[in-house]
């Protein structure tokens, strides 16, 4: 069963929050921090792959294919993952993604609101 966009966006937001939490334990060069962050990046990529085209098209400045590609790389070439690349993703791409997710989430109807019909 596939998950709805609102759930996937919540998953992405939660993974971003977790990444920031993990980084409080040390730099990305600390193995356990790298492992935890890489797992969350993998989760983000998996969620991105399941988002509807309609919602990703609403935020064209985000490189959705690159995010999905990072997931594939982490899943299939984990031992070749360079901490500097992961650090660059965190420094450059994580906040724009978080902002985009918040905007997309705000445009979705609240699941708790009753619908006409």
Protein backbone atom coordinates (compact mmCIF):
# COMPACT_ATOMS: atom_id res chain seq x y z
CA UNK A 1 0.00 0.00 0.00
CA UNK A 2 1.40 3.36 -0.95
CA UNK A 3 1.48 6.24 1.48
CA UNK A 4 -0.18 9.60 0.92
CA UNK A 5 1.82 12.71 0.11
CA UNK A 6 1.08 14.27 3.51
CA UNK A 7 2.52 11.22 5.30
CA UNK A 8 5.58 11.18 3.07
CA UNK A 9 6.19 14.89 3.65
CA UNK A 10 5.91 14.30 7.39
CA UNK A 11 8.44 11.46 7.05
CA UNK A 12 10.87 13.76 5.25
CA UNK A 13 10.46 16.50 7.85
CA UNK A 14 11.01 14.01 10.67
CA UNK A 15 14.15 12.64 8.99
CA UNK A 16 15.55 16.17 8.60
CA UNK A 17 14.89 16.83 12.30
CA UNK A 18 16.65 13.57 13.15
CA UNK A 19 19.68 14.51 11.05
CA UNK A 20 20.06 17.75 13.00
CA UNK A 21 19.74 15.79 16.23
CA UNK A 22 22.35 13.24 15.17
CA UNK A 23 24.82 16.00 14.32
CA UNK A 24 24.74 17.15 17.93
CA UNK A 25 26.75 14.03 18.76
CA UNK A 26 29.69 15.03 16.62
CA UNK A 27 30.81 15.79 13.09
CA UNK A 28 29.90 13.65 10.12
CA UNK A 29 33.37 12.07 10.31
CA UNK A 30 32.32 10.23 13.49
CA UNK A 31 31.28 6.81 12.21
CA UNK A 32 28.09 6.45 14.23
CA UNK A 33 26.96 9.96 13.23
CA UNK A 34 27.68 9.20 9.59
CA UNK A 35 25.72 5.95 9.84
CA UNK A 36 22.72 7.64 11.44
CA UNK A 37 22.69 10.56 9.00
CA UNK A 38 23.13 8.30 5.98
CA UNK A 39 20.17 6.20 7.12
CA UNK A 40 17.99 9.31 7.39
CA UNK A 41 19.13 10.51 3.95
CA UNK A 42 18.19 7.11 2.59
CA UNK A 43 14.75 7.49 4.20
CA UNK A 44 14.34 10.94 2.66
CA UNK A 45 15.21 9.58 -0.77
CA UNK A 46 12.79 6.71 -0.40
CA UNK A 47 9.98 9.07 0.59
CA UNK A 48 10.82 11.42 -2.29
CA UNK A 49 10.56 8.52 -4.75
CA UNK A 50 6.99 7.93 -3.59
CA UNK A 51 5.79 11.54 -3.71
CA UNK A 52 3.31 12.34 -6.45
CA UNK A 53 4.58 14.15 -9.52
CA UNK A 54 1.93 16.78 -8.90
CA UNK A 55 3.44 17.74 -5.57
CA UNK A 56 7.08 17.63 -6.64
CA UNK A 57 6.26 19.75 -9.68
CA UNK A 58 5.01 22.43 -7.28
CA UNK A 59 8.61 22.90 -6.06
CA UNK A 60 10.74 22.74 -9.23
CA UNK A 61 13.82 24.32 -7.62
CA UNK A 62 14.37 21.16 -5.57
CA UNK A 63 16.47 18.54 -7.35
CA UNK A 64 14.12 15.63 -6.70
CA UNK A 65 16.01 13.22 -8.97
CA UNK A 66 19.26 13.99 -7.17
CA UNK A 67 17.62 13.21 -3.83
CA UNK A 68 16.34 9.89 -5.16
CA UNK A 69 19.76 9.24 -6.67
CA UNK A 70 21.44 9.84 -3.31
CA UNK A 71 19.12 7.24 -1.80
CA UNK A 72 20.12 4.74 -4.47
CA UNK A 73 23.80 5.50 -3.99
CA UNK A 74 23.59 5.13 -0.21
CA UNK A 75 21.65 1.89 -0.52
CA UNK A 76 23.85 0.27 -3.15
CA UNK A 77 27.30 1.82 -2.64
CA UNK A 78 27.33 2.53 1.06
CA UNK A 79 31.02 1.81 1.56
CA UNK A 80 31.93 4.27 -1.19
CA UNK A 81 30.05 7.11 0.50
CA UNK A 82 32.29 10.08 1.16
CA UNK A 83 31.60 11.99 4.40
CA UNK A 84 32.48 15.26 2.65
CA UNK A 85 29.73 14.66 0.09
CA UNK A 86 27.22 13.93 2.85
CA UNK A 87 28.34 17.06 4.71
CA UNK A 88 27.87 19.13 1.54
CA UNK A 89 24.35 17.76 1.13
CA UNK A 90 23.56 18.70 4.71
CA UNK A 91 25.08 22.18 4.43
CA UNK A 92 23.69 23.07 1.01
CA UNK A 93 20.53 21.06 0.41
CA UNK A 94 18.86 20.13 3.68
CA UNK A 95 17.40 23.51 4.65
CA UNK A 96 15.99 24.27 1.18
CA UNK A 97 14.38 20.81 1.24
CA UNK A 98 12.93 21.43 4.72
CA UNK A 99 11.51 24.78 3.55
CA UNK A 100 10.05 23.17 0.44
CA UNK A 101 8.47 20.36 2.45
CA UNK A 102 6.86 22.89 4.78
CA UNK A 103 5.42 24.83 1.82
CA UNK A 104 4.10 21.68 0.16
CA UNK A 105 2.60 20.44 3.42
CA UNK A 106 0.86 23.78 3.97
CA UNK A 107 -0.79 23.55 0.55
CA UNK A 108 -2.30 20.13 1.22
CA UNK A 109 -5.76 19.89 2.74
CA UNK A 110 -5.73 19.05 6.42
CA UNK A 111 -6.55 15.38 6.79
CA UNK A 112 -8.58 16.15 9.91
CA UNK A 113 -10.91 18.54 8.07
CA UNK A 114 -14.15 17.03 6.78
CA UNK A 115 -14.57 17.07 3.02
CA UNK A 116 -17.69 18.08 1.15
CA UNK A 117 -19.42 15.26 -0.48
